Protein backbone atom coordinates (compact mmCIF):
# COMPACT_ATOMS: atom_id res chain seq x y z
CA MET A 1 19.48 -2.30 -16.46
CA ILE A 2 16.00 -3.74 -16.17
CA THR A 3 14.12 -4.05 -19.46
CA LYS A 4 10.40 -4.05 -20.27
CA ALA A 5 10.53 -7.85 -20.63
CA ASP A 6 12.22 -8.13 -17.22
CA ILE A 7 9.41 -6.13 -15.62
CA GLU A 8 6.80 -8.33 -17.31
CA ASN A 9 8.53 -11.46 -15.99
CA ILE A 10 8.88 -10.06 -12.45
CA LEU A 11 5.18 -9.21 -12.34
CA LEU A 12 4.18 -12.54 -13.89
CA ASP A 13 5.94 -14.29 -11.01
CA VAL A 14 4.03 -12.12 -8.52
CA CYS A 15 0.73 -12.95 -10.29
CA GLU A 16 1.27 -16.73 -10.20
CA PRO A 17 -1.12 -17.23 -7.22
CA LEU A 18 -3.97 -15.91 -9.40
CA GLY A 19 -3.80 -19.21 -11.29
CA ILE A 20 -4.31 -17.65 -14.73
CA THR A 21 -2.08 -19.15 -17.41
CA ASP A 22 -3.25 -17.18 -20.47
CA VAL A 23 -1.05 -14.06 -20.54
CA SER A 24 -0.81 -11.18 -23.01
CA VAL A 25 1.42 -8.14 -23.29
CA GLU A 26 -0.61 -6.89 -26.27
CA PRO A 27 -4.25 -5.80 -26.05
CA PRO A 28 -6.55 -8.67 -27.10
CA THR A 29 -8.71 -8.09 -30.15
CA LEU A 30 -12.29 -8.98 -30.92
CA ASP A 31 -12.90 -11.91 -33.27
CA ASP A 32 -14.32 -10.14 -36.35
CA LYS A 33 -15.91 -13.30 -37.76
CA THR A 34 -17.93 -14.35 -34.74
CA GLY A 35 -18.15 -11.12 -32.72
CA ASP A 36 -17.29 -13.17 -29.66
CA GLY A 37 -15.59 -11.42 -26.82
CA LEU A 38 -13.04 -12.81 -24.42
CA GLN A 39 -13.60 -16.56 -23.98
CA LYS A 40 -11.44 -17.32 -20.93
CA GLU A 41 -9.71 -15.52 -18.10
CA MET A 42 -6.60 -13.66 -19.17
CA LEU A 43 -3.82 -11.71 -17.52
CA GLU A 44 -2.60 -8.61 -19.36
CA ILE A 45 0.54 -6.69 -18.43
CA PHE A 46 1.15 -3.30 -20.06
CA VAL A 47 4.46 -1.61 -19.23
CA LYS A 48 4.48 2.14 -19.94
CA LYS A 49 7.54 4.17 -20.89
CA GLU A 50 10.09 5.15 -18.28
CA SER A 51 10.03 8.68 -16.86
CA ASP A 52 12.93 10.81 -15.64
CA GLY A 53 13.91 10.70 -12.01
CA GLN A 54 16.80 11.70 -9.78
CA ARG A 55 17.40 8.60 -7.69
CA TRP A 56 14.70 6.28 -9.05
CA LEU A 57 13.46 5.95 -12.64
CA PRO A 58 9.68 5.46 -12.45
CA ARG A 59 7.29 3.86 -14.89
CA PHE A 60 3.72 2.73 -14.58
CA VAL A 61 2.48 -0.76 -15.33
CA ASP A 62 -1.14 -1.83 -15.73
CA VAL A 63 -1.86 -5.40 -14.69
CA ASN A 64 -5.34 -6.42 -15.84
CA VAL A 65 -6.99 -9.63 -14.68
CA CYS A 66 -9.73 -10.16 -17.27
CA VAL A 67 -12.86 -12.23 -16.65
CA PRO A 68 -15.37 -12.93 -19.45
CA ASP A 69 -18.90 -11.68 -18.85
CA PHE A 70 -21.74 -14.18 -18.54
CA THR A 71 -23.67 -14.87 -21.76
CA SER A 72 -26.39 -12.61 -20.34
CA GLY A 73 -23.88 -9.75 -20.54
CA ARG A 74 -23.59 -9.38 -16.78
CA GLN A 75 -20.24 -9.32 -15.04
CA ASN A 76 -19.06 -12.33 -13.04
CA ALA A 77 -19.04 -10.30 -9.84
CA PRO A 78 -18.09 -13.11 -7.41
CA ARG A 79 -15.04 -14.07 -9.47
CA LEU A 80 -13.97 -10.44 -9.99
CA GLU A 81 -14.28 -9.70 -6.27
CA ALA A 82 -12.23 -12.79 -5.39
CA LEU A 83 -9.51 -11.84 -7.89
CA GLU A 84 -9.51 -8.25 -6.62
CA ARG A 85 -8.91 -9.50 -3.06
CA ILE A 86 -6.07 -11.77 -4.19
CA ALA A 87 -4.48 -9.07 -6.36
CA GLY A 88 -4.78 -6.55 -3.52
CA GLY A 89 -2.80 -8.93 -1.33
CA LEU A 90 -0.16 -9.60 -3.98
CA PHE A 91 0.39 -5.92 -4.77
CA GLY A 92 0.37 -4.01 -1.51
CA LYS A 93 0.69 -0.32 -0.80
CA ALA A 94 4.17 -0.94 0.66
CA TYR A 95 7.11 -1.32 -1.72
CA ILE A 96 8.24 -4.78 -2.83
CA SER A 97 11.90 -4.68 -3.79
CA GLY A 98 14.53 -6.87 -5.39
CA ILE A 99 17.66 -7.03 -7.50
CA LEU A 100 17.83 -8.34 -11.06
CA ASN A 101 21.05 -8.45 -13.11
CA GLY A 102 22.71 -6.17 -10.56
CA SER A 103 19.95 -3.53 -10.84
CA ARG A 104 17.80 -2.68 -7.84
CA TYR A 105 14.06 -2.26 -8.36
CA ARG A 106 10.96 -1.67 -6.29
CA PHE A 107 7.25 -1.52 -7.00
CA LYS A 108 3.97 -0.86 -5.23
CA ARG A 109 0.28 -0.64 -6.01
CA GLU A 110 -0.96 2.82 -6.95
CA SER A 111 -4.60 1.84 -7.40
CA ILE A 112 -6.90 -1.15 -7.85
CA GLY A 113 -10.45 -1.44 -9.18
CA ILE A 114 -12.85 -3.23 -11.48
CA GLU A 115 -13.45 -1.87 -14.99
CA GLN A 116 -15.35 -2.95 -18.09
CA ASP A 117 -14.29 -3.63 -21.68
CA LYS A 118 -17.54 -3.64 -23.67
CA PRO A 119 -16.10 -4.72 -27.05
CA LEU A 120 -14.37 -7.73 -25.46
CA LYS A 121 -17.46 -8.51 -23.36
CA CYS A 122 -15.49 -8.72 -20.14
CA HIS A 123 -14.72 -6.95 -16.90
CA TYR A 124 -11.29 -6.82 -15.37
CA VAL A 125 -9.47 -6.04 -12.19
CA ASN A 126 -7.04 -3.23 -13.01
CA VAL A 127 -3.99 -2.92 -10.78
CA ARG A 128 -1.89 0.15 -11.54
CA ILE A 129 1.70 -0.42 -10.40
CA LEU A 130 4.45 2.15 -9.88
CA PHE A 131 7.64 0.28 -10.88
CA GLU A 132 10.96 2.01 -10.19
CA THR A 133 14.55 1.11 -10.96
CA ILE A 134 17.53 2.69 -9.26
CA ASN A 135 19.24 5.54 -11.18
CA VAL A 136 22.66 5.23 -9.61
CA ILE A 137 25.77 3.87 -11.31
């Protein structure tokens, strides 16, 4: 069986070439005292609940590569575009597969794009991953 934490660790290993060491599996929150948004680049991994399947048990995972906006409020477009290219190469449209603790898994990119989080004053590259584990005993 592959757990939520296992999936997070597998995807963290894949994301290593991004060079971002600050990682969260919980949504970041705004600093109420200062009103400051995100202060440094951050990698967020959100594993959704598992769905039913015949041969494979699917679940979606959002991998967000967050980049703070400039003090002017504008997005750091060159950095976001560079990270989007790197992430697109790391998470291809073809399946990446492996075995962990005797359980077979595979994952692939479903979508990729740049989005905004106004309260956190950042933009992020969102990579939506379809992560599947084998449903055979």
